[in-house]
Amino acid sequence: MSNNNKEHEISDMPLWFLKTRHAIYYILSVIEVLLAFRFIFKLLGANPRNGFVSFIYSIAGIFTSPFSGIFYSSTTSGLAAKSVLEPAALIGMAVYAVLAWGLVGLIRLKASEKGY
């Protein structure tokens, strides 16, 4: 499908679909950023007693908890920091992206029916 056909297809969609799709992708973006911060902070050994780091860990922990235990975390201790490779954050990022994509696809099916 060419770009022109995609633009035409999107312009034919009802406004509720476009707003819902934007909302889903916005929520996905917020979750992805939180999980990315958590992954990077853990990997670089950020100080968990720092207020911002603690906030990110607690909020993003809600989204990583369903995936913790699938793979073990790998920990290395340096002189000043403890680095943790946390696969649960990466798995969560992938799963939430697939869920958002699937949800938008289902809503697209409903929006493309005749007489929406």
N, C-alpha and C. Protein backbone atom coordinates (compact mmCIF):
# COMPACT_ATOMS: atom_id res chain seq x y z
N MET A 1 0.84 -1.16 0.00
CA MET A 1 0.00 0.00 0.00
C MET A 1 0.89 1.24 0.00
N SER A 2 0.59 2.18 -0.84
CA SER A 2 1.41 3.39 -0.93
C SER A 2 1.03 4.36 0.18
N ASN A 3 1.87 5.37 0.35
CA ASN A 3 1.61 6.39 1.36
C ASN A 3 0.30 7.11 1.11
N ASN A 4 0.00 7.38 -0.16
CA ASN A 4 -1.22 8.09 -0.50
C ASN A 4 -2.45 7.28 -0.08
N ASN A 5 -2.41 5.96 -0.30
CA ASN A 5 -3.53 5.11 0.10
C ASN A 5 -3.68 5.07 1.62
N LYS A 6 -2.57 5.05 2.36
CA LYS A 6 -2.63 5.05 3.83
C LYS A 6 -3.24 6.35 4.33
N GLU A 7 -2.83 7.48 3.74
CA GLU A 7 -3.39 8.76 4.15
C GLU A 7 -4.89 8.82 3.86
N HIS A 8 -5.30 8.28 2.72
CA HIS A 8 -6.72 8.25 2.36
C HIS A 8 -7.49 7.36 3.32
N GLU A 9 -6.90 6.21 3.68
CA GLU A 9 -7.55 5.28 4.60
C GLU A 9 -7.72 5.92 5.97
N ILE A 10 -6.71 6.64 6.44
CA ILE A 10 -6.79 7.29 7.75
C ILE A 10 -7.82 8.42 7.73
N SER A 11 -7.87 9.17 6.65
CA SER A 11 -8.83 10.28 6.58
C SER A 11 -10.26 9.77 6.52
N ASP A 12 -10.47 8.52 6.10
CA ASP A 12 -11.82 7.94 6.06
C ASP A 12 -12.26 7.40 7.42
N MET A 13 -11.36 7.32 8.38
CA MET A 13 -11.69 6.77 9.68
C MET A 13 -12.45 7.81 10.51
N PRO A 14 -13.34 7.33 11.38
CA PRO A 14 -14.09 8.26 12.23
C PRO A 14 -13.17 8.93 13.26
N LEU A 15 -13.61 10.08 13.73
CA LEU A 15 -12.82 10.85 14.67
C LEU A 15 -12.57 10.10 15.97
N TRP A 16 -13.57 9.33 16.44
CA TRP A 16 -13.39 8.59 17.69
C TRP A 16 -12.25 7.59 17.56
N PHE A 17 -12.10 6.98 16.39
CA PHE A 17 -11.02 6.02 16.19
C PHE A 17 -9.66 6.73 16.26
N LEU A 18 -9.55 7.86 15.58
CA LEU A 18 -8.28 8.57 15.57
C LEU A 18 -7.89 9.03 16.97
N LYS A 19 -8.86 9.54 17.73
CA LYS A 19 -8.57 9.98 19.09
C LYS A 19 -8.21 8.80 19.99
N THR A 20 -8.90 7.70 19.84
CA THR A 20 -8.60 6.50 20.64
C THR A 20 -7.23 5.96 20.31
N ARG A 21 -6.89 5.93 19.03
CA ARG A 21 -5.58 5.44 18.61
C ARG A 21 -4.47 6.32 19.18
N HIS A 22 -4.66 7.64 19.11
CA HIS A 22 -3.66 8.55 19.67
C HIS A 22 -3.52 8.36 21.18
N ALA A 23 -4.64 8.16 21.87
CA ALA A 23 -4.60 7.95 23.32
C ALA A 23 -3.86 6.65 23.66
N ILE A 24 -4.12 5.59 22.93
CA ILE A 24 -3.44 4.31 23.18
C ILE A 24 -1.95 4.45 22.96
N TYR A 25 -1.55 5.07 21.88
CA TYR A 25 -0.13 5.23 21.60
C TYR A 25 0.54 6.20 22.56
N TYR A 26 -0.20 7.18 23.07
CA TYR A 26 0.35 8.09 24.07
C TYR A 26 0.63 7.34 25.37
N ILE A 27 -0.34 6.55 25.81
CA ILE A 27 -0.16 5.75 27.02
C ILE A 27 0.99 4.77 26.85
N LEU A 28 1.07 4.14 25.68
CA LEU A 28 2.18 3.23 25.40
C LEU A 28 3.51 3.97 25.49
N SER A 29 3.58 5.16 24.96
CA SER A 29 4.82 5.94 24.99
C SER A 29 5.26 6.25 26.41
N VAL A 30 4.31 6.60 27.26
CA VAL A 30 4.63 6.89 28.66
C VAL A 30 5.18 5.64 29.34
N ILE A 31 4.53 4.51 29.13
CA ILE A 31 4.99 3.25 29.73
C ILE A 31 6.36 2.87 29.21
N GLU A 32 6.57 3.02 27.91
CA GLU A 32 7.87 2.67 27.31
C GLU A 32 8.99 3.54 27.87
N VAL A 33 8.73 4.83 28.05
CA VAL A 33 9.75 5.73 28.59
C VAL A 33 10.07 5.36 30.04
N LEU A 34 9.05 5.08 30.83
CA LEU A 34 9.29 4.66 32.22
C LEU A 34 10.13 3.39 32.28
N LEU A 35 9.78 2.41 31.45
CA LEU A 35 10.53 1.15 31.45
C LEU A 35 11.95 1.35 30.93
N ALA A 36 12.13 2.22 29.95
CA ALA A 36 13.47 2.49 29.44
C ALA A 36 14.33 3.16 30.50
N PHE A 37 13.76 4.13 31.22
CA PHE A 37 14.50 4.77 32.31
C PHE A 37 14.89 3.74 33.37
N ARG A 38 13.94 2.88 33.74
CA ARG A 38 14.23 1.86 34.75
C ARG A 38 15.37 0.96 34.28
N PHE A 39 15.29 0.50 33.04
CA PHE A 39 16.31 -0.40 32.51
C PHE A 39 17.68 0.27 32.52
N ILE A 40 17.75 1.50 32.05
CA ILE A 40 19.04 2.22 31.97
C ILE A 40 19.57 2.53 33.36
N PHE A 41 18.69 2.99 34.26
CA PHE A 41 19.14 3.29 35.62
C PHE A 41 19.68 2.05 36.31
N LYS A 42 18.99 0.93 36.18
CA LYS A 42 19.47 -0.31 36.80
C LYS A 42 20.78 -0.76 36.17
N LEU A 43 20.86 -0.66 34.86
CA LEU A 43 22.06 -1.09 34.15
C LEU A 43 23.27 -0.26 34.53
N LEU A 44 23.06 1.04 34.72
CA LEU A 44 24.17 1.93 35.07
C LEU A 44 24.41 2.03 36.58
N GLY A 45 23.59 1.36 37.36
CA GLY A 45 23.79 1.35 38.80
C GLY A 45 23.41 2.64 39.49
N ALA A 46 22.30 3.25 39.06
CA ALA A 46 21.85 4.50 39.66
C ALA A 46 21.53 4.30 41.15
N ASN A 47 21.71 5.35 41.92
CA ASN A 47 21.48 5.31 43.35
C ASN A 47 19.98 5.20 43.63
N PRO A 48 19.51 4.07 44.18
CA PRO A 48 18.07 3.91 44.43
C PRO A 48 17.54 4.81 45.55
N ARG A 49 18.41 5.44 46.30
CA ARG A 49 17.97 6.36 47.36
C ARG A 49 17.70 7.76 46.82
N ASN A 50 18.08 8.02 45.58
CA ASN A 50 17.77 9.29 44.95
C ASN A 50 16.26 9.35 44.71
N GLY A 51 15.66 10.50 44.95
CA GLY A 51 14.21 10.64 44.83
C GLY A 51 13.66 10.32 43.46
N PHE A 52 14.31 10.85 42.42
CA PHE A 52 13.82 10.61 41.06
C PHE A 52 13.97 9.14 40.68
N VAL A 53 15.11 8.56 41.00
CA VAL A 53 15.35 7.15 40.67
C VAL A 53 14.36 6.27 41.42
N SER A 54 14.13 6.56 42.69
CA SER A 54 13.17 5.80 43.49
C SER A 54 11.77 5.91 42.91
N PHE A 55 11.40 7.10 42.46
CA PHE A 55 10.09 7.31 41.83
C PHE A 55 9.95 6.47 40.57
N ILE A 56 10.96 6.49 39.71
CA ILE A 56 10.92 5.71 38.47
C ILE A 56 10.84 4.22 38.79
N TYR A 57 11.65 3.76 39.75
CA TYR A 57 11.62 2.33 40.11
C TYR A 57 10.25 1.91 40.62
N SER A 58 9.62 2.73 41.45
CA SER A 58 8.33 2.34 42.01
C SER A 58 7.22 2.36 40.96
N ILE A 59 7.19 3.38 40.12
CA ILE A 59 6.14 3.46 39.09
C ILE A 59 6.36 2.39 38.03
N ALA A 60 7.58 2.27 37.52
CA ALA A 60 7.86 1.28 36.46
C ALA A 60 7.79 -0.14 37.00
N GLY A 61 7.98 -0.31 38.30
CA GLY A 61 7.89 -1.63 38.90
C GLY A 61 6.51 -2.25 38.73
N ILE A 62 5.49 -1.41 38.68
CA ILE A 62 4.12 -1.88 38.43
C ILE A 62 4.04 -2.57 37.07
N PHE A 63 4.75 -2.02 36.09
CA PHE A 63 4.68 -2.55 34.74
C PHE A 63 5.65 -3.71 34.48
N THR A 64 6.69 -3.83 35.30
CA THR A 64 7.63 -4.94 35.12
C THR A 64 7.27 -6.16 35.94
N SER A 65 6.44 -5.99 36.97
CA SER A 65 6.14 -7.11 37.87
C SER A 65 5.54 -8.34 37.17
N PRO A 66 4.68 -8.19 36.15
CA PRO A 66 4.17 -9.41 35.50
C PRO A 66 5.25 -10.22 34.78
N PHE A 67 6.38 -9.59 34.50
CA PHE A 67 7.42 -10.25 33.71
C PHE A 67 8.65 -10.62 34.54
N SER A 68 8.66 -10.25 35.81
CA SER A 68 9.82 -10.60 36.62
C SER A 68 9.80 -12.10 36.90
N GLY A 69 10.95 -12.69 36.83
CA GLY A 69 11.07 -14.12 37.04
C GLY A 69 11.09 -14.94 35.77
N ILE A 70 10.78 -14.33 34.64
CA ILE A 70 10.88 -15.07 33.37
C ILE A 70 12.34 -15.41 33.12
N PHE A 71 13.19 -14.42 33.26
CA PHE A 71 14.64 -14.61 33.21
C PHE A 71 15.22 -14.02 34.49
N TYR A 72 16.30 -14.58 34.95
CA TYR A 72 16.96 -14.04 36.13
C TYR A 72 17.70 -12.76 35.77
N SER A 73 17.70 -11.82 36.72
CA SER A 73 18.48 -10.61 36.55
C SER A 73 19.94 -10.92 36.80
N SER A 74 20.80 -10.26 36.08
CA SER A 74 22.24 -10.44 36.24
C SER A 74 22.79 -9.22 36.97
N THR A 75 23.54 -9.46 38.03
CA THR A 75 24.07 -8.37 38.85
C THR A 75 25.59 -8.42 38.89
N THR A 76 26.20 -7.26 38.71
CA THR A 76 27.64 -7.13 38.89
C THR A 76 27.90 -5.98 39.84
N SER A 77 28.85 -6.17 40.72
CA SER A 77 29.18 -5.12 41.68
C SER A 77 30.49 -4.47 41.30
N GLY A 78 30.45 -3.18 41.17
CA GLY A 78 31.66 -2.40 40.90
C GLY A 78 32.14 -1.76 42.18
N LEU A 79 33.06 -0.84 42.05
CA LEU A 79 33.58 -0.15 43.23
C LEU A 79 32.55 0.77 43.85
N ALA A 80 31.80 1.45 43.03
CA ALA A 80 30.86 2.44 43.55
C ALA A 80 29.40 2.08 43.31
N ALA A 81 29.10 1.25 42.34
CA ALA A 81 27.71 0.99 41.98
C ALA A 81 27.50 -0.50 41.68
N LYS A 82 26.25 -0.91 41.83
CA LYS A 82 25.86 -2.27 41.51
C LYS A 82 25.01 -2.22 40.24
N SER A 83 25.49 -2.84 39.19
CA SER A 83 24.80 -2.83 37.90
C SER A 83 23.91 -4.06 37.79
N VAL A 84 22.67 -3.85 37.34
CA VAL A 84 21.70 -4.94 37.22
C VAL A 84 21.17 -4.96 35.79
N LEU A 85 21.29 -6.11 35.14
CA LEU A 85 20.67 -6.30 33.83
C LEU A 85 19.31 -6.93 34.10
N GLU A 86 18.25 -6.16 33.88
CA GLU A 86 16.90 -6.59 34.21
C GLU A 86 16.10 -6.89 32.93
N PRO A 87 16.03 -8.17 32.54
CA PRO A 87 15.29 -8.52 31.32
C PRO A 87 13.80 -8.24 31.41
N ALA A 88 13.24 -8.19 32.60
CA ALA A 88 11.80 -7.96 32.75
C ALA A 88 11.38 -6.62 32.13
N ALA A 89 12.24 -5.61 32.21
CA ALA A 89 11.91 -4.31 31.62
C ALA A 89 11.87 -4.40 30.10
N LEU A 90 12.83 -5.11 29.52
CA LEU A 90 12.85 -5.27 28.06
C LEU A 90 11.68 -6.10 27.56
N ILE A 91 11.36 -7.16 28.28
CA ILE A 91 10.21 -8.00 27.90
C ILE A 91 8.93 -7.18 28.01
N GLY A 92 8.81 -6.41 29.09
CA GLY A 92 7.64 -5.57 29.26
C GLY A 92 7.48 -4.57 28.14
N MET A 93 8.58 -3.96 27.71
CA MET A 93 8.51 -3.00 26.61
C MET A 93 7.98 -3.66 25.34
N ALA A 94 8.45 -4.86 25.06
CA ALA A 94 8.01 -5.58 23.86
C ALA A 94 6.54 -6.00 23.97
N VAL A 95 6.16 -6.54 25.12
CA VAL A 95 4.79 -7.02 25.29
C VAL A 95 3.79 -5.87 25.24
N TYR A 96 4.09 -4.77 25.92
CA TYR A 96 3.16 -3.63 25.90
C TYR A 96 3.04 -3.03 24.50
N ALA A 97 4.12 -3.02 23.74
CA ALA A 97 4.05 -2.51 22.36
C ALA A 97 3.17 -3.41 21.50
N VAL A 98 3.32 -4.72 21.64
CA VAL A 98 2.50 -5.66 20.87
C VAL A 98 1.03 -5.54 21.28
N LEU A 99 0.77 -5.41 22.58
CA LEU A 99 -0.61 -5.24 23.04
C LEU A 99 -1.25 -3.97 22.49
N ALA A 100 -0.52 -2.88 22.50
CA ALA A 100 -1.05 -1.62 21.96
C ALA A 100 -1.32 -1.74 20.47
N TRP A 101 -0.39 -2.35 19.76
CA TRP A 101 -0.56 -2.54 18.32
C TRP A 101 -1.79 -3.41 18.04
N GLY A 102 -1.96 -4.48 18.80
CA GLY A 102 -3.12 -5.35 18.63
C GLY A 102 -4.42 -4.66 18.97
N LEU A 103 -4.41 -3.87 20.03
CA LEU A 103 -5.61 -3.15 20.43
C LEU A 103 -6.03 -2.13 19.37
N VAL A 104 -5.06 -1.42 18.82
CA VAL A 104 -5.37 -0.46 17.75
C VAL A 104 -5.89 -1.21 16.52
N GLY A 105 -5.33 -2.38 16.25
CA GLY A 105 -5.82 -3.18 15.12
C GLY A 105 -7.26 -3.62 15.30
N LEU A 106 -7.62 -4.04 16.52
CA LEU A 106 -9.00 -4.43 16.79
C LEU A 106 -9.95 -3.24 16.66
N ILE A 107 -9.53 -2.10 17.16
CA ILE A 107 -10.37 -0.91 17.06
C ILE A 107 -10.50 -0.47 15.61
N ARG A 108 -9.43 -0.64 14.84
CA ARG A 108 -9.48 -0.30 13.41
C ARG A 108 -10.52 -1.16 12.69
N LEU A 109 -10.62 -2.44 13.06
CA LEU A 109 -11.62 -3.32 12.45
C LEU A 109 -13.03 -2.80 12.72
N LYS A 110 -13.27 -2.40 13.96
CA LYS A 110 -14.58 -1.87 14.32
C LYS A 110 -14.86 -0.55 13.59
N ALA A 111 -13.84 0.29 13.48
CA ALA A 111 -14.03 1.60 12.85
C ALA A 111 -14.23 1.49 11.34
N SER A 112 -13.68 0.44 10.73
CA SER A 112 -13.79 0.33 9.28
C SER A 112 -15.07 -0.37 8.83
N GLU A 113 -15.87 -0.84 9.79
CA GLU A 113 -17.15 -1.44 9.42
C GLU A 113 -18.06 -0.36 8.83
N LYS A 114 -18.93 -0.78 7.97
CA LYS A 114 -19.89 0.15 7.38
C LYS A 114 -20.88 0.62 8.45
N GLY A 115 -21.18 1.88 8.44
CA GLY A 115 -22.16 2.46 9.35
C GLY A 115 -21.64 2.68 10.75
N TYR A 116 -20.31 2.93 10.89
CA TYR A 116 -19.76 3.16 12.22
C TYR A 116 -20.48 4.28 12.86
